[in-house]
Amino acid sequence: TDSATTFTAPRTIQFSGRSWTVKGSGSPVGPGPNYFGDSSDDVWVDGSGYLHLRIEFRDGNWHSSEVITDEVLGYGTYTFTLGNRVDLLDRNIVVGLFTWDSFAPEFNYREIDIEFARWGNPLTDNSQYVVQPWDTAGNTFRWDTSLTGNDSTHGFTWRPDRVEFSSYQGDPPGTQIQSWNYTGGDVPPEGATSGNARINFWLMGGSAPFDGQEAELVVKSFDFTPLPANNPPTASFT
């Protein structure tokens, strides 16, 4: 989920008790590349405190959306609760739940991803856990998500020696959908710039949705729990 940080007229929102910058671009930028919209029609928080991200067509172009925590985070448990059916996304749409550090290319930008996408192929699995670089053997775990309702909960615990991923039906978390522990050589170290949590909703290659329809992602909450210095817990969303 390459995530450029080119902003025009940065806007901030409050979501889940944190301040987030809304990404905006007047020309195509990564990922995609896409145009990113930062207006209140593109990204907003509703009266229930839920975050809404839109993919919209206007002014002759498709626009995607992304939000970025203003706070720098690091080792700990990142939990994202979603409020609509990410298993039914258009084949050209991508949902990214991830970390990113623009100042650490030597550590693959400290990028850890949960992504929902079919990457243009309606027959492929629609979900993946990734520790970058994605194309290194063993760094990507793919599976097919099939939800039983609108809500689902997804997260990972980033530790010094591994990343523990889990996904569950529902909110609060119910039946486990999938889990994966990554213990390979590309676990990024925590650092002074460590990075941000990010959520994006974008179009593969900047292409229009296959069905030609605008789309919306609902994120009910985000939570981050830092790892204790001496006694890191096992990841748990329940």
Protein backbone atom coordinates (compact mmCIF):
# COMPACT_ATOMS: atom_id res chain seq x y z
CA THR A 1 0.00 0.00 0.00
CA ASP A 2 2.50 2.63 -1.16
CA SER A 3 1.25 5.87 0.34
CA ALA A 4 2.55 9.18 -0.87
CA THR A 5 2.31 12.15 1.45
CA THR A 6 1.65 14.97 -1.03
CA PHE A 7 -1.05 17.17 0.48
CA THR A 8 -3.00 20.15 -0.75
CA ALA A 9 -4.69 22.29 1.90
CA PRO A 10 -4.35 19.67 4.68
CA ARG A 11 -7.51 19.09 6.67
CA THR A 12 -7.74 17.32 10.01
CA ILE A 13 -10.58 15.37 11.59
CA GLN A 14 -11.17 13.82 15.02
CA PHE A 15 -11.90 10.09 14.98
CA SER A 16 -11.70 7.50 17.78
CA GLY A 17 -10.12 10.01 20.12
CA ARG A 18 -7.28 10.89 17.76
CA SER A 19 -6.45 13.61 15.28
CA TRP A 20 -6.09 12.49 11.66
CA THR A 21 -4.88 14.32 8.56
CA VAL A 22 -7.00 13.85 5.45
CA LYS A 23 -4.87 13.24 2.37
CA GLY A 24 -5.56 15.45 -0.63
CA SER A 25 -3.90 15.69 -4.03
CA GLY A 26 -4.49 17.79 -7.13
CA SER A 27 -2.77 15.21 -9.33
CA PRO A 28 -2.46 11.42 -9.26
CA VAL A 29 -0.23 10.11 -6.45
CA GLY A 30 0.35 6.72 -4.85
CA PRO A 31 -1.19 4.36 -4.18
CA GLY A 32 -2.75 3.75 -7.57
CA PRO A 33 -1.85 6.41 -8.59
CA ASN A 34 -5.08 8.18 -7.68
CA TYR A 35 -6.49 11.61 -7.05
CA PHE A 36 -7.27 11.88 -3.31
CA GLY A 37 -10.16 14.01 -2.12
CA ASP A 38 -10.00 15.81 1.22
CA SER A 39 -13.36 17.58 1.36
CA SER A 40 -16.16 16.83 3.82
CA ASP A 41 -17.90 15.00 0.95
CA ASP A 42 -14.92 12.65 0.64
CA VAL A 43 -14.11 12.02 4.31
CA TRP A 44 -16.23 12.72 7.37
CA VAL A 45 -17.18 11.46 10.84
CA ASP A 46 -20.89 10.97 11.48
CA GLY A 47 -22.95 11.53 14.62
CA SER A 48 -22.19 8.01 15.86
CA GLY A 49 -18.45 8.68 15.63
CA TYR A 50 -18.00 6.46 12.54
CA LEU A 51 -15.49 7.43 9.87
CA HIS A 52 -16.67 7.46 6.23
CA LEU A 53 -14.27 7.30 3.27
CA ARG A 54 -15.56 7.72 -0.28
CA ILE A 55 -14.55 6.79 -3.81
CA GLU A 56 -16.28 9.36 -6.02
CA PHE A 57 -16.31 10.56 -9.62
CA ARG A 58 -16.23 14.32 -10.14
CA ASP A 59 -14.61 16.89 -12.41
CA GLY A 60 -13.81 14.15 -14.90
CA ASN A 61 -11.76 12.03 -12.48
CA TRP A 62 -12.22 9.31 -9.89
CA HIS A 63 -11.13 10.35 -6.39
CA SER A 64 -9.98 8.02 -3.57
CA SER A 65 -9.51 8.81 0.12
CA GLU A 66 -7.04 8.29 2.97
CA VAL A 67 -6.58 9.38 6.58
CA ILE A 68 -3.37 9.40 8.64
CA THR A 69 -2.91 9.63 12.40
CA ASP A 70 -1.11 12.80 13.38
CA GLU A 71 0.44 10.88 16.26
CA VAL A 72 3.51 8.74 15.59
CA LEU A 73 2.92 5.16 16.79
CA GLY A 74 5.15 2.10 17.13
CA TYR A 75 5.16 -1.36 18.67
CA GLY A 76 1.72 -2.35 19.88
CA THR A 77 -1.72 -3.62 18.88
CA TYR A 78 -3.59 -1.85 16.08
CA THR A 79 -7.30 -2.65 15.84
CA PHE A 80 -9.66 -1.51 13.07
CA THR A 81 -13.41 -2.14 13.29
CA LEU A 82 -15.22 -1.91 9.96
CA GLY A 83 -18.92 -1.33 9.44
CA ASN A 84 -19.65 -2.54 5.92
CA ARG A 85 -19.10 -5.59 3.74
CA VAL A 86 -15.48 -5.45 2.63
CA ASP A 87 -15.91 -8.97 1.24
CA LEU A 88 -18.23 -7.54 -1.45
CA LEU A 89 -15.94 -4.83 -2.80
CA ASP A 90 -15.74 -4.09 -6.51
CA ARG A 91 -12.82 -5.95 -8.07
CA ASN A 92 -10.86 -2.70 -8.64
CA ILE A 93 -11.28 -1.26 -5.13
CA VAL A 94 -8.73 -1.63 -2.33
CA VAL A 95 -9.12 -1.12 1.43
CA GLY A 96 -5.85 -0.63 3.32
CA LEU A 97 -5.39 -0.74 7.10
CA PHE A 98 -1.70 -0.19 7.73
CA THR A 99 1.34 1.50 9.21
CA TRP A 100 3.66 3.75 7.20
CA ASP A 101 6.79 5.75 8.00
CA SER A 102 7.75 8.15 5.19
CA PHE A 103 11.19 8.64 6.76
CA ALA A 104 12.28 4.99 6.79
CA PRO A 105 12.77 3.66 3.26
CA GLU A 106 15.58 1.47 4.61
CA PHE A 107 12.94 -0.43 6.61
CA ASN A 108 10.42 -0.61 3.75
CA TYR A 109 8.72 2.44 5.28
CA ARG A 110 7.79 0.31 8.32
CA GLU A 111 4.76 -0.82 6.31
CA ILE A 112 2.52 -3.53 7.79
CA ASP A 113 -0.76 -4.10 5.96
CA ILE A 114 -4.19 -5.62 6.20
CA GLU A 115 -5.77 -5.26 2.76
CA PHE A 116 -9.07 -6.20 1.17
CA ALA A 117 -8.90 -6.36 -2.62
CA ARG A 118 -9.27 -8.71 -5.54
CA TRP A 119 -6.69 -6.71 -7.53
CA GLY A 120 -8.88 -6.72 -10.64
CA ASN A 121 -9.48 -10.47 -10.66
CA PRO A 122 -12.99 -11.51 -9.48
CA LEU A 123 -11.82 -15.10 -8.93
CA THR A 124 -8.88 -14.42 -6.60
CA ASP A 125 -8.91 -14.28 -2.78
CA ASN A 126 -10.07 -10.93 -1.42
CA SER A 127 -7.92 -10.47 1.71
CA GLN A 128 -4.26 -10.37 2.70
CA TYR A 129 -1.85 -9.74 5.54
CA VAL A 130 1.49 -8.27 4.46
CA VAL A 131 4.82 -7.32 5.96
CA GLN A 132 6.67 -5.38 3.27
CA PRO A 133 8.24 -6.03 0.87
CA TRP A 134 5.18 -7.98 -0.29
CA ASP A 135 7.03 -9.81 -3.06
CA THR A 136 9.55 -11.46 -0.72
CA ALA A 137 8.64 -15.14 -0.26
CA GLY A 138 6.70 -15.65 2.94
CA ASN A 139 5.82 -11.98 3.49
CA THR A 140 2.21 -12.15 2.20
CA PHE A 141 -0.61 -14.35 3.46
CA ARG A 142 -3.79 -14.38 1.33
CA TRP A 143 -7.24 -15.79 2.04
CA ASP A 144 -10.87 -15.26 1.08
CA THR A 145 -13.09 -13.44 3.57
CA SER A 146 -16.83 -14.17 3.65
CA LEU A 147 -18.68 -12.06 6.21
CA THR A 148 -21.97 -12.97 7.88
CA GLY A 149 -22.89 -9.32 8.57
CA ASN A 150 -21.72 -5.76 7.99
CA ASP A 151 -19.27 -5.56 10.89
CA SER A 152 -15.80 -7.07 11.19
CA THR A 153 -12.73 -6.45 13.35
CA HIS A 154 -9.14 -6.69 12.10
CA GLY A 155 -5.81 -5.99 13.67
CA PHE A 156 -2.20 -6.84 14.28
CA THR A 157 0.32 -6.67 17.10
CA TRP A 158 3.69 -5.35 15.95
CA ARG A 159 6.47 -6.76 18.15
CA PRO A 160 10.26 -6.59 17.84
CA ASP A 161 10.48 -10.15 16.52
CA ARG A 162 7.10 -10.80 14.87
CA VAL A 163 3.74 -9.46 13.72
CA GLU A 164 0.57 -11.24 14.85
CA PHE A 165 -2.47 -10.71 12.63
CA SER A 166 -6.10 -11.59 13.40
CA SER A 167 -9.54 -10.98 11.86
CA TYR A 168 -12.97 -11.56 13.37
CA GLN A 169 -16.60 -11.42 12.41
CA GLY A 170 -18.62 -8.69 14.08
CA ASP A 171 -18.32 -5.81 16.53
CA PRO A 172 -17.56 -6.73 19.26
CA PRO A 173 -15.34 -9.46 17.78
CA GLY A 174 -17.00 -12.84 17.44
CA THR A 175 -15.94 -15.82 15.35
CA GLN A 176 -12.35 -15.67 14.19
CA ILE A 177 -12.07 -15.39 10.41
CA GLN A 178 -8.31 -15.74 10.07
CA SER A 179 -4.98 -15.32 11.86
CA TRP A 180 -1.32 -15.38 10.87
CA ASN A 181 1.96 -14.87 12.70
CA TYR A 182 4.82 -13.43 10.69
CA THR A 183 8.29 -14.21 12.05
CA GLY A 184 10.40 -13.53 8.96
CA GLY A 185 13.36 -11.26 8.53
CA ASP A 186 11.48 -8.13 7.49
CA VAL A 187 9.78 -7.23 10.77
CA PRO A 188 10.55 -3.49 10.89
CA PRO A 189 12.22 -2.12 14.01
CA GLU A 190 10.52 0.59 16.00
CA GLY A 191 12.30 3.91 15.67
CA ALA A 192 12.18 7.61 16.40
CA THR A 193 9.89 8.23 13.43
CA SER A 194 8.07 4.84 13.73
CA GLY A 195 5.20 5.99 11.51
CA ASN A 196 1.47 6.48 11.56
CA ALA A 197 -1.62 4.34 11.36
CA ARG A 198 -3.40 4.86 8.06
CA ILE A 199 -6.68 3.87 6.46
CA ASN A 200 -7.21 4.21 2.73
CA PHE A 201 -9.88 3.42 0.17
CA TRP A 202 -8.55 3.51 -3.36
CA LEU A 203 -8.64 2.26 -6.94
CA MET A 204 -6.11 -0.21 -8.31
CA GLY A 205 -4.05 1.55 -10.96
CA GLY A 206 -6.39 4.52 -10.69
CA SER A 207 -8.88 2.59 -12.82
CA ALA A 208 -12.62 3.16 -12.50
CA PRO A 209 -14.60 0.64 -10.45
CA PHE A 210 -15.51 -2.28 -12.70
CA ASP A 211 -19.21 -1.72 -11.94
CA GLY A 212 -18.89 2.03 -12.54
CA GLN A 213 -20.38 2.84 -9.14
CA GLU A 214 -19.13 5.18 -6.43
CA ALA A 215 -18.38 3.45 -3.11
CA GLU A 216 -18.07 4.08 0.60
CA LEU A 217 -16.09 2.54 3.45
CA VAL A 218 -17.35 2.82 7.04
CA VAL A 219 -14.81 2.49 9.86
CA LYS A 220 -16.49 2.26 13.25
CA SER A 221 -13.36 2.62 15.35
CA PHE A 222 -9.58 2.47 15.57
CA ASP A 223 -7.64 1.53 18.67
CA PHE A 224 -3.92 1.42 19.44
CA THR A 225 -2.44 -0.15 22.57
CA PRO A 226 1.34 0.25 22.97
CA LEU A 227 3.40 -2.77 23.96
CA PRO A 228 4.54 -2.66 27.59
CA ALA A 229 8.29 -2.40 27.77
CA ASN A 230 8.89 -5.63 29.73
CA ASN A 231 5.81 -7.85 29.44
CA PRO A 232 4.24 -7.60 25.99
CA PRO A 233 0.77 -9.23 25.88
CA THR A 234 -0.67 -11.55 23.27
CA ALA A 235 -2.84 -9.67 20.78
CA SER A 236 -6.49 -9.77 21.71
CA PHE A 237 -9.46 -7.80 20.45
CA THR A 238 -12.01 -9.46 22.73
